[in-house]
Amino acid sequence: MGGVNVLKAVLSAIAGFAAALIAYSAFYVRGDLGGVMGYLRARGALRRLRETGAPDQISAAQAQLHALGQQVGDPTFAGQMIPLALLTGALVAGLVWWAFTRRQQGAPRLDIQERMVYRLAHRLGGRFTLDDLSARSPLTEEQARAATARLLDLGRLTRDGDTFRLS
């Protein structure tokens, strides 16, 4: 269970940092996605121009790209919004942590366990044993016994000694 907590913490931290970075980026360009796309197009045009253009054309394109970058980006505003970006990241990390914790604390879903039994039974031609189920599925021995008992009660399985068969 300790490995699960480490994984939960790592995934929460990654999600939080990613959300903070995205929020910072959005503040940096003031939400102007069109401006960002224009800057990227101009940068691609400059890259192509460097291969075939004259030096004065290249310097003019560089100046235009720099001016466009000044219009699109606002580092001062983004710097002022760092606390909000970090708060956004912390909230996302908290939500990811909460979602994993909630999922771990919930009771195992019985329909999922039954589907695992069905899947294994179909793979084995409709017949299986509890040993097959325990060895070839993620179900524990107790879960396998409980799932097969439920399916027997529902009439979806029949029992022939140690072997179960789909009905």
C-alpha atoms as a PDB file:
ATOM      1  CA  MET A   1       0.000   0.000   0.000  1.00  0.00           C
ATOM      2  CA  GLY A   2       3.000   2.311   0.514  1.00  0.00           C
ATOM      3  CA  GLY A   3       3.875   2.079  -3.189  1.00  0.00           C
ATOM      4  CA  VAL A   4       0.360   3.188  -4.062  1.00  0.00           C
ATOM      5  CA  ASN A   5       0.735   6.277  -1.868  1.00  0.00           C
ATOM      6  CA  VAL A   6       4.059   7.129  -3.517  1.00  0.00           C
ATOM      7  CA  LEU A   7       2.487   6.733  -6.938  1.00  0.00           C
ATOM      8  CA  LYS A   8      -0.503   8.811  -5.850  1.00  0.00           C
ATOM      9  CA  ALA A   9       1.809  11.567  -4.589  1.00  0.00           C
ATOM     10  CA  VAL A  10       3.927  11.544  -7.754  1.00  0.00           C
ATOM     11  CA  LEU A  11       0.913  11.677 -10.069  1.00  0.00           C
ATOM     12  CA  SER A  12      -0.683  14.426  -7.982  1.00  0.00           C
ATOM     13  CA  ALA A  13       2.533  16.454  -8.092  1.00  0.00           C
ATOM     14  CA  ILE A  14       2.900  16.008 -11.857  1.00  0.00           C
ATOM     15  CA  ALA A  15      -0.718  17.057 -12.443  1.00  0.00           C
ATOM     16  CA  GLY A  16      -0.301  20.047 -10.120  1.00  0.00           C
ATOM     17  CA  PHE A  17       2.926  21.241 -11.749  1.00  0.00           C
ATOM     18  CA  ALA A  18       1.416  20.783 -15.213  1.00  0.00           C
ATOM     19  CA  ALA A  19      -1.667  22.790 -14.261  1.00  0.00           C
ATOM     20  CA  ALA A  20       0.472  25.552 -12.747  1.00  0.00           C
ATOM     21  CA  LEU A  21       2.618  25.704 -15.884  1.00  0.00           C
ATOM     22  CA  ILE A  22      -0.434  25.841 -18.144  1.00  0.00           C
ATOM     23  CA  ALA A  23      -1.973  28.596 -16.011  1.00  0.00           C
ATOM     24  CA  TYR A  24       1.302  30.557 -16.064  1.00  0.00           C
ATOM     25  CA  SER A  25       1.504  30.151 -19.842  1.00  0.00           C
ATOM     26  CA  ALA A  26      -2.059  31.371 -20.261  1.00  0.00           C
ATOM     27  CA  PHE A  27      -1.285  34.422 -18.112  1.00  0.00           C
ATOM     28  CA  TYR A  28       1.952  35.040 -20.048  1.00  0.00           C
ATOM     29  CA  VAL A  29       0.072  35.392 -23.332  1.00  0.00           C
ATOM     30  CA  ARG A  30      -3.006  36.868 -21.637  1.00  0.00           C
ATOM     31  CA  GLY A  31      -5.095  34.065 -23.116  1.00  0.00           C
ATOM     32  CA  ASP A  32      -4.393  35.203 -26.684  1.00  0.00           C
ATOM     33  CA  LEU A  33      -4.096  31.865 -28.494  1.00  0.00           C
ATOM     34  CA  GLY A  34      -4.484  33.590 -31.856  1.00  0.00           C
ATOM     35  CA  GLY A  35      -1.465  35.747 -31.079  1.00  0.00           C
ATOM     36  CA  VAL A  36       0.568  32.686 -30.121  1.00  0.00           C
ATOM     37  CA  MET A  37      -0.365  30.957 -33.363  1.00  0.00           C
ATOM     38  CA  GLY A  38       0.579  34.098 -35.332  1.00  0.00           C
ATOM     39  CA  TYR A  39       3.945  34.194 -33.570  1.00  0.00           C
ATOM     40  CA  LEU A  40       4.557  30.523 -34.355  1.00  0.00           C
ATOM     41  CA  ARG A  41       3.654  31.054 -38.026  1.00  0.00           C
ATOM     42  CA  ALA A  42       6.015  34.030 -38.204  1.00  0.00           C
ATOM     43  CA  ARG A  43       8.780  31.992 -36.564  1.00  0.00           C
ATOM     44  CA  GLY A  44       8.301  29.208 -39.124  1.00  0.00           C
ATOM     45  CA  ALA A  45       8.406  31.756 -41.938  1.00  0.00           C
ATOM     46  CA  LEU A  46      11.654  33.179 -40.536  1.00  0.00           C
ATOM     47  CA  ARG A  47      13.159  29.696 -40.371  1.00  0.00           C
ATOM     48  CA  ARG A  48      12.302  29.108 -44.043  1.00  0.00           C
ATOM     49  CA  LEU A  49      13.553  32.579 -44.977  1.00  0.00           C
ATOM     50  CA  ARG A  50      16.947  31.879 -43.389  1.00  0.00           C
ATOM     51  CA  GLU A  51      17.511  29.149 -45.995  1.00  0.00           C
ATOM     52  CA  THR A  52      16.819  31.268 -49.084  1.00  0.00           C
ATOM     53  CA  GLY A  53      16.454  34.933 -48.100  1.00  0.00           C
ATOM     54  CA  ALA A  54      18.767  37.888 -48.283  1.00  0.00           C
ATOM     55  CA  PRO A  55      20.399  39.170 -45.070  1.00  0.00           C
ATOM     56  CA  ASP A  56      18.286  42.360 -45.025  1.00  0.00           C
ATOM     57  CA  GLN A  57      15.068  40.301 -45.411  1.00  0.00           C
ATOM     58  CA  ILE A  58      16.145  38.024 -42.570  1.00  0.00           C
ATOM     59  CA  SER A  59      16.918  40.931 -40.225  1.00  0.00           C
ATOM     60  CA  ALA A  60      13.582  42.590 -41.078  1.00  0.00           C
ATOM     61  CA  ALA A  61      11.750  39.305 -40.371  1.00  0.00           C
ATOM     62  CA  GLN A  62      13.647  38.924 -37.080  1.00  0.00           C
ATOM     63  CA  ALA A  63      12.632  42.453 -36.051  1.00  0.00           C
ATOM     64  CA  GLN A  64       9.015  41.720 -36.980  1.00  0.00           C
ATOM     65  CA  LEU A  65       9.102  38.452 -35.000  1.00  0.00           C
ATOM     66  CA  HIS A  66      10.562  40.262 -31.985  1.00  0.00           C
ATOM     67  CA  ALA A  67       7.843  42.944 -32.175  1.00  0.00           C
ATOM     68  CA  LEU A  68       5.160  40.273 -32.459  1.00  0.00           C
ATOM     69  CA  GLY A  69       6.623  38.493 -29.441  1.00  0.00           C
ATOM     70  CA  GLN A  70       6.479  41.738 -27.462  1.00  0.00           C
ATOM     71  CA  GLN A  71       2.809  42.119 -28.375  1.00  0.00           C
ATOM     72  CA  VAL A  72       1.849  38.557 -27.492  1.00  0.00           C
ATOM     73  CA  GLY A  73       3.841  37.960 -24.300  1.00  0.00           C
ATOM     74  CA  ASP A  74       3.544  39.918 -21.083  1.00  0.00           C
ATOM     75  CA  PRO A  75       6.168  38.671 -18.601  1.00  0.00           C
ATOM     76  CA  THR A  76       5.341  41.346 -16.021  1.00  0.00           C
ATOM     77  CA  PHE A  77       1.689  40.331 -15.822  1.00  0.00           C
ATOM     78  CA  ALA A  78       2.646  36.646 -15.771  1.00  0.00           C
ATOM     79  CA  GLY A  79       5.059  37.296 -12.913  1.00  0.00           C
ATOM     80  CA  GLN A  80       2.318  39.003 -10.923  1.00  0.00           C
ATOM     81  CA  MET A  81       0.004  36.031 -11.520  1.00  0.00           C
ATOM     82  CA  ILE A  82       2.480  33.366 -10.304  1.00  0.00           C
ATOM     83  CA  PRO A  83       0.645  32.982  -6.954  1.00  0.00           C
ATOM     84  CA  LEU A  84      -2.632  32.325  -8.790  1.00  0.00           C
ATOM     85  CA  ALA A  85      -0.930  29.843 -11.127  1.00  0.00           C
ATOM     86  CA  LEU A  86       0.554  28.024  -8.109  1.00  0.00           C
ATOM     87  CA  LEU A  87      -2.826  28.014  -6.386  1.00  0.00           C
ATOM     88  CA  THR A  88      -4.360  26.504  -9.524  1.00  0.00           C
ATOM     89  CA  GLY A  89      -1.663  23.820  -9.520  1.00  0.00           C
ATOM     90  CA  ALA A  90      -2.247  23.077  -5.838  1.00  0.00           C
ATOM     91  CA  LEU A  91      -5.983  22.752  -6.422  1.00  0.00           C
ATOM     92  CA  VAL A  92      -5.473  20.351  -9.328  1.00  0.00           C
ATOM     93  CA  ALA A  93      -2.979  18.307  -7.299  1.00  0.00           C
ATOM     94  CA  GLY A  94      -5.491  18.183  -4.439  1.00  0.00           C
ATOM     95  CA  LEU A  95      -8.261  17.049  -6.773  1.00  0.00           C
ATOM     96  CA  VAL A  96      -6.078  14.291  -8.218  1.00  0.00           C
ATOM     97  CA  TRP A  97      -5.105  13.162  -4.696  1.00  0.00           C
ATOM     98  CA  TRP A  98      -8.763  13.203  -3.615  1.00  0.00           C
ATOM     99  CA  ALA A  99      -9.874  11.238  -6.698  1.00  0.00           C
ATOM    100  CA  PHE A 100      -7.280   8.511  -6.087  1.00  0.00           C
ATOM    101  CA  THR A 101      -8.059   8.341  -2.369  1.00  0.00           C
ATOM    102  CA  ARG A 102     -11.787   8.151  -3.011  1.00  0.00           C
ATOM    103  CA  ARG A 103     -11.299   5.380  -5.534  1.00  0.00           C
ATOM    104  CA  GLN A 104      -9.087   3.390  -3.139  1.00  0.00           C
ATOM    105  CA  GLN A 105     -11.524   3.706  -0.250  1.00  0.00           C
ATOM    106  CA  GLY A 106     -14.558   2.615  -2.250  1.00  0.00           C
ATOM    107  CA  ALA A 107     -15.746  -0.963  -2.096  1.00  0.00           C
ATOM    108  CA  PRO A 108     -14.685  -3.084  -5.051  1.00  0.00           C
ATOM    109  CA  ARG A 109     -17.319  -3.045  -7.759  1.00  0.00           C
ATOM    110  CA  LEU A 110     -18.948  -6.411  -8.073  1.00  0.00           C
ATOM    111  CA  ASP A 111     -19.874  -5.987 -11.735  1.00  0.00           C
ATOM    112  CA  ILE A 112     -16.199  -5.560 -12.625  1.00  0.00           C
ATOM    113  CA  GLN A 113     -15.313  -8.748 -10.769  1.00  0.00           C
ATOM    114  CA  GLU A 114     -18.094 -10.592 -12.589  1.00  0.00           C
ATOM    115  CA  ARG A 115     -16.821  -9.308 -15.947  1.00  0.00           C
ATOM    116  CA  MET A 116     -13.373 -10.650 -15.066  1.00  0.00           C
ATOM    117  CA  VAL A 117     -14.932 -14.060 -14.458  1.00  0.00           C
ATOM    118  CA  TYR A 118     -16.805 -13.883 -17.788  1.00  0.00           C
ATOM    119  CA  ARG A 119     -13.666 -12.853 -19.670  1.00  0.00           C
ATOM    120  CA  LEU A 120     -11.636 -15.708 -18.277  1.00  0.00           C
ATOM    121  CA  ALA A 121     -14.438 -18.183 -18.915  1.00  0.00           C
ATOM    122  CA  HIS A 122     -14.694 -17.088 -22.555  1.00  0.00           C
ATOM    123  CA  ARG A 123     -10.927 -17.356 -23.010  1.00  0.00           C
ATOM    124  CA  LEU A 124     -10.968 -20.879 -21.620  1.00  0.00           C
ATOM    125  CA  GLY A 125     -13.868 -22.072 -23.757  1.00  0.00           C
ATOM    126  CA  GLY A 126     -16.596 -21.564 -21.164  1.00  0.00           C
ATOM    127  CA  ARG A 127     -15.058 -23.794 -18.452  1.00  0.00           C
ATOM    128  CA  PHE A 128     -12.719 -22.826 -15.618  1.00  0.00           C
ATOM    129  CA  THR A 129     -11.775 -23.628 -12.029  1.00  0.00           C
ATOM    130  CA  LEU A 130     -11.203 -21.360  -9.048  1.00  0.00           C
ATOM    131  CA  ASP A 131      -7.482 -22.046  -9.403  1.00  0.00           C
ATOM    132  CA  ASP A 132      -7.651 -20.806 -13.026  1.00  0.00           C
ATOM    133  CA  LEU A 133      -9.492 -17.709 -11.891  1.00  0.00           C
ATOM    134  CA  SER A 134      -7.057 -16.929  -9.075  1.00  0.00           C
ATOM    135  CA  ALA A 135      -3.984 -17.538 -11.247  1.00  0.00           C
ATOM    136  CA  ARG A 136      -5.094 -15.797 -14.442  1.00  0.00           C
ATOM    137  CA  SER A 137      -7.028 -12.779 -13.162  1.00  0.00           C
ATOM    138  CA  PRO A 138      -6.322  -9.944 -10.728  1.00  0.00           C
ATOM    139  CA  LEU A 139      -8.948 -11.323  -8.334  1.00  0.00           C
ATOM    140  CA  THR A 140      -7.820 -12.653  -4.992  1.00  0.00           C
ATOM    141  CA  GLU A 141      -8.975 -16.113  -3.928  1.00  0.00           C
ATOM    142  CA  GLU A 142     -11.720 -14.635  -1.709  1.00  0.00           C
ATOM    143  CA  GLN A 143     -12.911 -12.318  -4.480  1.00  0.00           C
ATOM    144  CA  ALA A 144     -12.949 -15.226  -6.947  1.00  0.00           C
ATOM    145  CA  ARG A 145     -15.015 -17.338  -4.550  1.00  0.00           C
ATOM    146  CA  ALA A 146     -17.463 -14.492  -3.909  1.00  0.00           C
ATOM    147  CA  ALA A 147     -17.845 -13.651  -7.610  1.00  0.00           C
ATOM    148  CA  THR A 148     -18.459 -17.257  -8.614  1.00  0.00           C
ATOM    149  CA  ALA A 149     -20.944 -17.683  -5.738  1.00  0.00           C
ATOM    150  CA  ARG A 150     -22.879 -14.596  -6.915  1.00  0.00           C
ATOM    151  CA  LEU A 151     -22.903 -15.863 -10.508  1.00  0.00           C
ATOM    152  CA  LEU A 152     -24.027 -19.304  -9.339  1.00  0.00           C
ATOM    153  CA  ASP A 153     -26.884 -17.698  -7.355  1.00  0.00           C
ATOM    154  CA  LEU A 154     -27.904 -15.671 -10.407  1.00  0.00           C
ATOM    155  CA  GLY A 155     -27.893 -18.826 -12.535  1.00  0.00           C
ATOM    156  CA  ARG A 156     -25.198 -17.571 -14.883  1.00  0.00           C
ATOM    157  CA  LEU A 157     -22.765 -20.340 -13.943  1.00  0.00           C
ATOM    158  CA  THR A 158     -23.212 -24.019 -13.260  1.00  0.00           C
ATOM    159  CA  ARG A 159     -20.882 -26.130 -11.200  1.00  0.00           C
ATOM    160  CA  ASP A 160     -19.520 -29.534 -12.182  1.00  0.00           C
ATOM    161  CA  GLY A 161     -17.357 -30.585  -9.203  1.00  0.00           C
ATOM    162  CA  ASP A 162     -14.414 -28.140  -9.150  1.00  0.00           C
ATOM    163  CA  THR A 163     -15.189 -26.822 -12.636  1.00  0.00           C
ATOM    164  CA  PHE A 164     -17.511 -23.939 -13.409  1.00  0.00           C
ATOM    165  CA  ARG A 165     -19.313 -23.606 -16.738  1.00  0.00           C
ATOM    166  CA  LEU A 166     -21.110 -20.653 -18.284  1.00  0.00           C
ATOM    167  CA  SER A 167     -24.872 -21.160 -18.395  1.00  0.00           C
END
